[in-house]
C-alpha atoms as a PDB file:
ATOM      1  CA  UNK A   1     190.502 145.735 134.028  1.00  0.00           C
ATOM      2  CA  UNK A   2     188.679 143.113 136.130  1.00  0.00           C
ATOM      3  CA  UNK A   3     185.637 145.359 136.494  1.00  0.00           C
ATOM      4  CA  UNK A   4     185.468 145.782 132.715  1.00  0.00           C
ATOM      5  CA  UNK A   5     185.634 141.975 132.203  1.00  0.00           C
ATOM      6  CA  UNK A   6     182.869 141.354 134.741  1.00  0.00           C
ATOM      7  CA  UNK A   7     180.725 144.050 133.143  1.00  0.00           C
ATOM      8  CA  UNK A   8     181.277 142.480 129.704  1.00  0.00           C
ATOM      9  CA  UNK A   9     180.334 138.967 130.893  1.00  0.00           C
ATOM     10  CA  UNK A  10     177.203 140.196 132.672  1.00  0.00           C
ATOM     11  CA  UNK A  11     176.213 142.272 129.613  1.00  0.00           C
ATOM     12  CA  UNK A  12     176.575 139.283 127.282  1.00  0.00           C
ATOM     13  CA  UNK A  13     174.449 137.141 129.614  1.00  0.00           C
ATOM     14  CA  UNK A  14     171.724 139.781 129.887  1.00  0.00           C
ATOM     15  CA  UNK A  15     171.638 140.360 126.117  1.00  0.00           C
ATOM     16  CA  UNK A  16     171.422 136.598 125.525  1.00  0.00           C
ATOM     17  CA  UNK A  17     168.531 136.269 127.967  1.00  0.00           C
ATOM     18  CA  UNK A  18     166.691 139.157 126.298  1.00  0.00           C
ATOM     19  CA  UNK A  19     167.277 137.715 122.816  1.00  0.00           C
ATOM     20  CA  UNK A  20     166.039 134.302 123.939  1.00  0.00           C
ATOM     21  CA  UNK A  21     162.883 135.772 125.475  1.00  0.00           C
ATOM     22  CA  UNK A  22     162.094 137.960 122.477  1.00  0.00           C
ATOM     23  CA  UNK A  23     162.665 135.075 120.052  1.00  0.00           C
ATOM     24  CA  UNK A  24     160.469 132.784 122.132  1.00  0.00           C
ATOM     25  CA  UNK A  25     157.602 135.285 122.156  1.00  0.00           C
ATOM     26  CA  UNK A  26     156.948 134.529 118.512  1.00  0.00           C
ATOM     27  CA  UNK A  27     157.012 130.742 118.971  1.00  0.00           C
ATOM     28  CA  UNK A  28     155.206 129.969 122.249  1.00  0.00           C
ATOM     29  CA  UNK A  29     154.202 126.464 121.134  1.00  0.00           C
ATOM     30  CA  UNK A  30     155.893 123.092 121.273  1.00  0.00           C
ATOM     31  CA  UNK A  31     155.445 120.880 118.224  1.00  0.00           C
ATOM     32  CA  UNK A  32     155.326 117.113 118.702  1.00  0.00           C
ATOM     33  CA  UNK A  33     155.408 114.661 115.820  1.00  0.00           C
ATOM     34  CA  UNK A  34     154.291 111.186 116.885  1.00  0.00           C
ATOM     35  CA  UNK A  35     154.879 108.120 114.703  1.00  0.00           C
ATOM     36  CA  UNK A  36     153.203 104.783 115.393  1.00  0.00           C
ATOM     37  CA  UNK A  37     155.974 102.179 115.127  1.00  0.00           C
ATOM     38  CA  UNK A  38     153.977  99.425 116.827  1.00  0.00           C
ATOM     39  CA  UNK A  39     152.092  96.679 115.064  1.00  0.00           C
ATOM     40  CA  UNK A  40     148.827  97.925 116.586  1.00  0.00           C
ATOM     41  CA  UNK A  41     146.503 100.830 115.940  1.00  0.00           C
ATOM     42  CA  UNK A  42     146.514 103.704 118.437  1.00  0.00           C
ATOM     43  CA  UNK A  43     143.016 104.488 119.707  1.00  0.00           C
ATOM     44  CA  UNK A  44     143.735 107.283 122.193  1.00  0.00           C
ATOM     45  CA  UNK A  45     146.599 109.652 122.998  1.00  0.00           C
ATOM     46  CA  UNK A  46     146.758 111.607 126.247  1.00  0.00           C
ATOM     47  CA  UNK A  47     149.273 114.385 126.889  1.00  0.00           C
ATOM     48  CA  UNK A  48     150.182 115.499 130.413  1.00  0.00           C
ATOM     49  CA  UNK A  49     152.379 118.553 130.689  1.00  0.00           C
ATOM     50  CA  UNK A  50     153.868 120.742 133.347  1.00  0.00           C
ATOM     51  CA  UNK A  51     155.477 124.149 132.955  1.00  0.00           C
ATOM     52  CA  UNK A  52     156.227 127.229 134.991  1.00  0.00           C
ATOM     53  CA  UNK A  53     152.564 128.269 134.785  1.00  0.00           C
ATOM     54  CA  UNK A  54     151.115 124.997 136.073  1.00  0.00           C
ATOM     55  CA  UNK A  55     150.018 121.541 134.996  1.00  0.00           C
ATOM     56  CA  UNK A  56     147.542 120.248 132.479  1.00  0.00           C
ATOM     57  CA  UNK A  57     146.234 117.124 130.810  1.00  0.00           C
ATOM     58  CA  UNK A  58     144.469 116.905 127.502  1.00  0.00           C
ATOM     59  CA  UNK A  59     143.268 114.127 125.244  1.00  0.00           C
ATOM     60  CA  UNK A  60     143.984 114.444 121.566  1.00  0.00           C
ATOM     61  CA  UNK A  61     141.042 113.754 119.339  1.00  0.00           C
ATOM     62  CA  UNK A  62     141.898 110.951 116.940  1.00  0.00           C
ATOM     63  CA  UNK A  63     139.161 110.741 114.325  1.00  0.00           C
ATOM     64  CA  UNK A  64     140.415 107.362 113.090  1.00  0.00           C
ATOM     65  CA  UNK A  65     142.901 104.940 114.647  1.00  0.00           C
ATOM     66  CA  UNK A  66     146.555 105.810 114.031  1.00  0.00           C
ATOM     67  CA  UNK A  67     147.803 102.774 112.120  1.00  0.00           C
ATOM     68  CA  UNK A  68     151.341 101.401 111.924  1.00  0.00           C
ATOM     69  CA  UNK A  69     153.650 103.859 110.188  1.00  0.00           C
ATOM     70  CA  UNK A  70     151.192 106.762 110.359  1.00  0.00           C
ATOM     71  CA  UNK A  71     152.142 110.089 111.907  1.00  0.00           C
ATOM     72  CA  UNK A  72     150.325 112.723 113.903  1.00  0.00           C
ATOM     73  CA  UNK A  73     151.502 116.255 114.613  1.00  0.00           C
ATOM     74  CA  UNK A  74     150.178 118.362 117.471  1.00  0.00           C
ATOM     75  CA  UNK A  75     151.102 121.622 119.152  1.00  0.00           C
ATOM     76  CA  UNK A  76     150.579 122.925 122.650  1.00  0.00           C
ATOM     77  CA  UNK A  77     151.281 126.197 124.386  1.00  0.00           C
ATOM     78  CA  UNK A  78     154.210 126.492 126.783  1.00  0.00           C
ATOM     79  CA  UNK A  79     154.756 129.655 128.806  1.00  0.00           C
ATOM     80  CA  UNK A  80     158.521 129.186 129.038  1.00  0.00           C
ATOM     81  CA  UNK A  81     159.829 125.691 129.773  1.00  0.00           C
ATOM     82  CA  UNK A  82     158.598 122.436 131.233  1.00  0.00           C
ATOM     83  CA  UNK A  83     158.084 118.757 130.477  1.00  0.00           C
ATOM     84  CA  UNK A  84     155.454 116.448 129.058  1.00  0.00           C
ATOM     85  CA  UNK A  85     154.486 112.797 129.099  1.00  0.00           C
ATOM     86  CA  UNK A  86     152.396 110.689 126.737  1.00  0.00           C
ATOM     87  CA  UNK A  87     149.933 107.920 127.490  1.00  0.00           C
ATOM     88  CA  UNK A  88     148.868 105.774 124.547  1.00  0.00           C
ATOM     89  CA  UNK A  89     145.906 103.412 124.430  1.00  0.00           C
ATOM     90  CA  UNK A  90     145.966 100.872 121.641  1.00  0.00           C
ATOM     91  CA  UNK A  91     142.906  99.416 119.930  1.00  0.00           C
ATOM     92  CA  UNK A  92     143.167  96.283 122.134  1.00  0.00           C
ATOM     93  CA  UNK A  93     143.079  98.555 125.286  1.00  0.00           C
ATOM     94  CA  UNK A  94     146.788  97.962 126.059  1.00  0.00           C
ATOM     95  CA  UNK A  95     148.267 101.151 127.609  1.00  0.00           C
ATOM     96  CA  UNK A  96     151.842 102.418 127.308  1.00  0.00           C
ATOM     97  CA  UNK A  97     153.209 105.494 129.094  1.00  0.00           C
ATOM     98  CA  UNK A  98     156.354 107.459 128.380  1.00  0.00           C
ATOM     99  CA  UNK A  99     158.037 110.634 129.501  1.00  0.00           C
ATOM    100  CA  UNK A 100     159.579 112.867 126.903  1.00  0.00           C
ATOM    101  CA  UNK A 101     161.494 115.195 129.177  1.00  0.00           C
ATOM    102  CA  UNK A 102     162.477 118.854 128.940  1.00  0.00           C
ATOM    103  CA  UNK A 103     160.724 121.237 126.541  1.00  0.00           C
ATOM    104  CA  UNK A 104     160.723 124.957 125.902  1.00  0.00           C
ATOM    105  CA  UNK A 105     158.990 127.332 123.519  1.00  0.00           C
ATOM    106  CA  UNK A 106     159.667 126.659 119.866  1.00  0.00           C
ATOM    107  CA  UNK A 107     160.901 123.074 120.389  1.00  0.00           C
ATOM    108  CA  UNK A 108     159.986 120.295 117.991  1.00  0.00           C
ATOM    109  CA  UNK A 109     160.062 116.763 119.384  1.00  0.00           C
ATOM    110  CA  UNK A 110     159.929 113.547 117.367  1.00  0.00           C
ATOM    111  CA  UNK A 111     158.369 110.647 119.271  1.00  0.00           C
ATOM    112  CA  UNK A 112     157.981 106.983 118.351  1.00  0.00           C
ATOM    113  CA  UNK A 113     155.256 104.777 119.798  1.00  0.00           C
ATOM    114  CA  UNK A 114     156.214 101.121 120.151  1.00  0.00           C
ATOM    115  CA  UNK A 115     154.137  98.269 121.573  1.00  0.00           C
ATOM    116  CA  UNK A 116     156.032  98.356 124.878  1.00  0.00           C
ATOM    117  CA  UNK A 117     157.431 101.911 125.122  1.00  0.00           C
ATOM    118  CA  UNK A 118     157.365 105.494 123.948  1.00  0.00           C
ATOM    119  CA  UNK A 119     160.707 106.967 122.988  1.00  0.00           C
ATOM    120  CA  UNK A 120     162.409 109.913 121.339  1.00  0.00           C
ATOM    121  CA  UNK A 121     163.070 109.227 117.647  1.00  0.00           C
ATOM    122  CA  UNK A 122     166.734 108.773 116.780  1.00  0.00           C
END
């Protein structure tokens, strides 16, 4: 009976891992929605990320300053799981950095930019 229970538990784990991998194949991007909650315009937004395939940094092109209350949505490719951090430069050249933490394929993160911090939306 013990052997049957162990086999069942291992089978459920393996099937769950396969289902997770197959589901993630169709959604290999992370979506991030950033909202400017500060009283300043955002001039530049830099994203640094790290995942199982390596590290990268990219600057998001902002064609016009992101004003108070405005939102921006961007996507980036993630091989499996990892983390990312944001660096915001305001119009007055003030810089704020923030770490968003763990991400994996298909995640959507909601981030708020404040004058003194970057945080997960509540």
